[in-house]
Amino acid sequence: MAYIAPMSAPNSFEDISDNLTFLDDWEDRYKYLIELGGMLDPLPASQRTEANKVHGCVSNVWLVSRTVQEDGKVKMEFEGDSDAMIVKGLVAVLIAYYSGRDAQWIARTDAVEMFDRLGLREHLTSQRSNGLKAMVERIRREAEACQQG
């Protein structure tokens, strides 16, 4: 199926998942990831700090988290950015997957498995795959820390 650029940002991870499932060709999936990354608001320079940088990525990647108390649970929201287009798309997928979830769920949920189910990791370079793992580990560590206090 040929790639058709989305008219607007996907509303949810489910939308992203459905769209990726619809795209058979890996080149179309790359284009979609780049489009998703382009929909992320860039992080301001003040948030592109060493503390927000994800180590283990060849590209520059920054992740920012904040917590919100909702329904007696601690929920987390994420923002992110990268200087590499495809990696920025991976960041967008992770943000859609994890944002708005409670910290306990985030800490125990490995998004790498979700990327495998969607067939997104099979064509990533080993460096990008390692960077993806580093991003997931960072998010999960922050969720664990959030639960501890």
Protein backbone atom coordinates (compact mmCIF):
# COMPACT_ATOMS: atom_id res chain seq x y z
CA MET A 1 0.00 0.00 0.00
CA ALA A 2 1.42 3.40 -0.94
CA TYR A 3 2.23 5.90 1.78
CA ILE A 4 -0.23 8.78 2.18
CA ALA A 5 0.82 11.58 4.51
CA PRO A 6 -1.57 12.04 7.44
CA MET A 7 -3.72 15.16 7.40
CA SER A 8 -3.16 15.79 11.10
CA ALA A 9 -1.34 14.29 14.04
CA PRO A 10 -2.64 10.91 15.19
CA ASN A 11 -4.81 11.20 18.27
CA SER A 12 -3.50 8.14 20.03
CA PHE A 13 -1.08 5.28 20.01
CA GLU A 14 -3.89 3.13 18.64
CA ASP A 15 -4.12 5.42 15.59
CA ILE A 16 -0.37 5.13 15.05
CA SER A 17 -0.50 1.36 15.46
CA ASP A 18 -3.38 1.06 12.99
CA ASN A 19 -1.58 3.26 10.45
CA LEU A 20 1.66 1.28 10.77
CA THR A 21 -0.21 -1.99 10.36
CA PHE A 22 -1.81 -0.61 7.20
CA LEU A 23 1.60 0.21 5.65
CA ASP A 24 3.19 -2.88 4.09
CA ASP A 25 6.34 -1.34 2.66
CA TRP A 26 9.21 -0.47 5.00
CA GLU A 27 10.02 2.67 3.04
CA ASP A 28 6.43 3.86 3.63
CA ARG A 29 6.85 3.12 7.34
CA TYR A 30 10.04 5.21 7.41
CA LYS A 31 8.18 8.07 5.75
CA TYR A 32 5.38 7.77 8.29
CA LEU A 33 7.84 7.79 11.20
CA ILE A 34 9.47 10.92 9.77
CA GLU A 35 6.03 12.52 9.44
CA LEU A 36 5.20 11.64 13.06
CA GLY A 37 8.46 13.16 14.24
CA GLY A 38 7.71 16.31 12.27
CA MET A 39 4.47 16.68 14.20
CA LEU A 40 6.26 16.87 17.56
CA ASP A 41 6.72 20.34 18.94
CA PRO A 42 10.45 21.00 19.22
CA LEU A 43 11.80 21.20 22.73
CA PRO A 44 12.97 24.67 23.68
CA ALA A 45 16.72 25.12 24.06
CA SER A 46 16.24 25.39 27.84
CA GLN A 47 15.11 21.73 27.89
CA ARG A 48 17.89 20.45 25.64
CA THR A 49 20.09 19.89 28.65
CA GLU A 50 22.52 17.18 29.62
CA ALA A 51 20.07 16.05 32.32
CA ASN A 52 17.34 15.50 29.69
CA LYS A 53 19.64 13.87 27.14
CA VAL A 54 19.23 10.13 26.61
CA HIS A 55 22.59 8.41 26.80
CA GLY A 56 23.09 5.36 24.62
CA CYS A 57 21.72 6.99 21.48
CA VAL A 58 24.02 7.90 18.61
CA SER A 59 21.68 10.76 17.69
CA ASN A 60 20.93 13.51 20.15
CA VAL A 61 17.70 12.64 21.96
CA TRP A 62 16.10 14.56 24.81
CA LEU A 63 13.21 13.34 26.94
CA VAL A 64 11.34 15.40 29.51
CA SER A 65 8.80 13.93 31.91
CA ARG A 66 6.35 15.39 34.37
CA THR A 67 3.89 13.82 36.73
CA VAL A 68 0.23 14.55 37.24
CA GLN A 69 -2.01 13.28 40.04
CA GLU A 70 -5.21 11.91 38.53
CA ASP A 71 -7.82 9.61 40.06
CA GLY A 72 -5.48 8.81 42.96
CA LYS A 73 -2.74 7.64 40.61
CA VAL A 74 0.48 9.22 39.49
CA LYS A 75 0.36 9.64 35.74
CA MET A 76 3.22 10.72 33.55
CA GLU A 77 3.44 12.94 30.51
CA PHE A 78 6.42 13.03 28.17
CA GLU A 79 7.91 15.40 25.65
CA GLY A 80 10.87 14.64 23.47
CA ASP A 81 12.99 15.68 20.56
CA SER A 82 15.87 14.47 18.43
CA ASP A 83 18.16 15.91 15.81
CA ALA A 84 17.59 12.85 13.58
CA MET A 85 14.32 12.59 11.62
CA ILE A 86 13.66 8.86 11.97
CA VAL A 87 14.69 8.84 15.63
CA LYS A 88 12.37 11.77 16.26
CA GLY A 89 9.59 9.60 14.80
CA LEU A 90 10.50 6.80 17.22
CA VAL A 91 10.33 9.37 20.03
CA ALA A 92 6.85 10.37 18.83
CA VAL A 93 5.68 6.74 18.96
CA LEU A 94 7.09 6.31 22.48
CA ILE A 95 5.42 9.50 23.67
CA ALA A 96 2.07 8.35 22.26
CA TYR A 97 2.53 4.93 23.88
CA TYR A 98 3.57 6.06 27.37
CA SER A 99 2.12 9.56 27.93
CA GLY A 100 -0.97 9.75 30.11
CA ARG A 101 -0.36 6.33 31.67
CA ASP A 102 0.17 5.71 35.35
CA ALA A 103 3.76 5.37 36.52
CA GLN A 104 3.25 1.80 37.71
CA TRP A 105 2.10 0.67 34.24
CA ILE A 106 4.98 2.50 32.57
CA ALA A 107 7.58 0.97 34.88
CA ARG A 108 6.48 -2.57 34.09
CA THR A 109 5.72 -2.15 30.36
CA ASP A 110 8.48 -2.66 27.81
CA ALA A 111 7.73 -0.71 24.66
CA VAL A 112 10.48 -2.59 22.80
CA GLU A 113 8.10 -5.57 22.67
CA MET A 114 5.44 -3.31 21.13
CA PHE A 115 7.93 -2.15 18.49
CA ASP A 116 8.67 -5.81 17.71
CA ARG A 117 4.95 -6.63 17.39
CA LEU A 118 4.51 -3.75 14.96
CA GLY A 119 7.56 -4.85 12.99
CA LEU A 120 9.32 -1.53 13.58
CA ARG A 121 12.62 -2.84 14.91
CA GLU A 122 13.36 -5.39 12.21
CA HIS A 123 14.62 -2.74 9.76
CA LEU A 124 16.31 -0.42 12.25
CA THR A 125 20.08 -0.33 12.31
CA SER A 126 21.62 -1.86 15.41
CA GLN A 127 22.56 1.66 16.55
CA ARG A 128 18.97 2.90 16.25
CA SER A 129 17.67 -0.24 17.95
CA ASN A 130 20.11 0.29 20.84
CA GLY A 131 19.02 3.94 21.02
CA LEU A 132 15.38 2.86 21.16
CA LYS A 133 16.19 0.52 24.06
CA ALA A 134 18.00 3.37 25.83
CA MET A 135 14.94 5.62 25.44
CA VAL A 136 12.60 2.94 26.81
CA GLU A 137 14.92 2.21 29.74
CA ARG A 138 15.11 5.93 30.56
CA ILE A 139 11.32 6.29 30.55
CA ARG A 140 10.86 3.20 32.71
CA ARG A 141 13.54 4.31 35.20
CA GLU A 142 11.82 7.67 35.55
CA ALA A 143 8.51 5.90 36.20
CA GLU A 144 10.15 3.69 38.84
CA ALA A 145 11.70 6.74 40.52
CA CYS A 146 8.33 8.48 40.42
CA GLN A 147 6.74 5.60 42.34
CA GLN A 148 9.43 5.65 45.00
CA GLY A 149 8.92 9.21 45.91
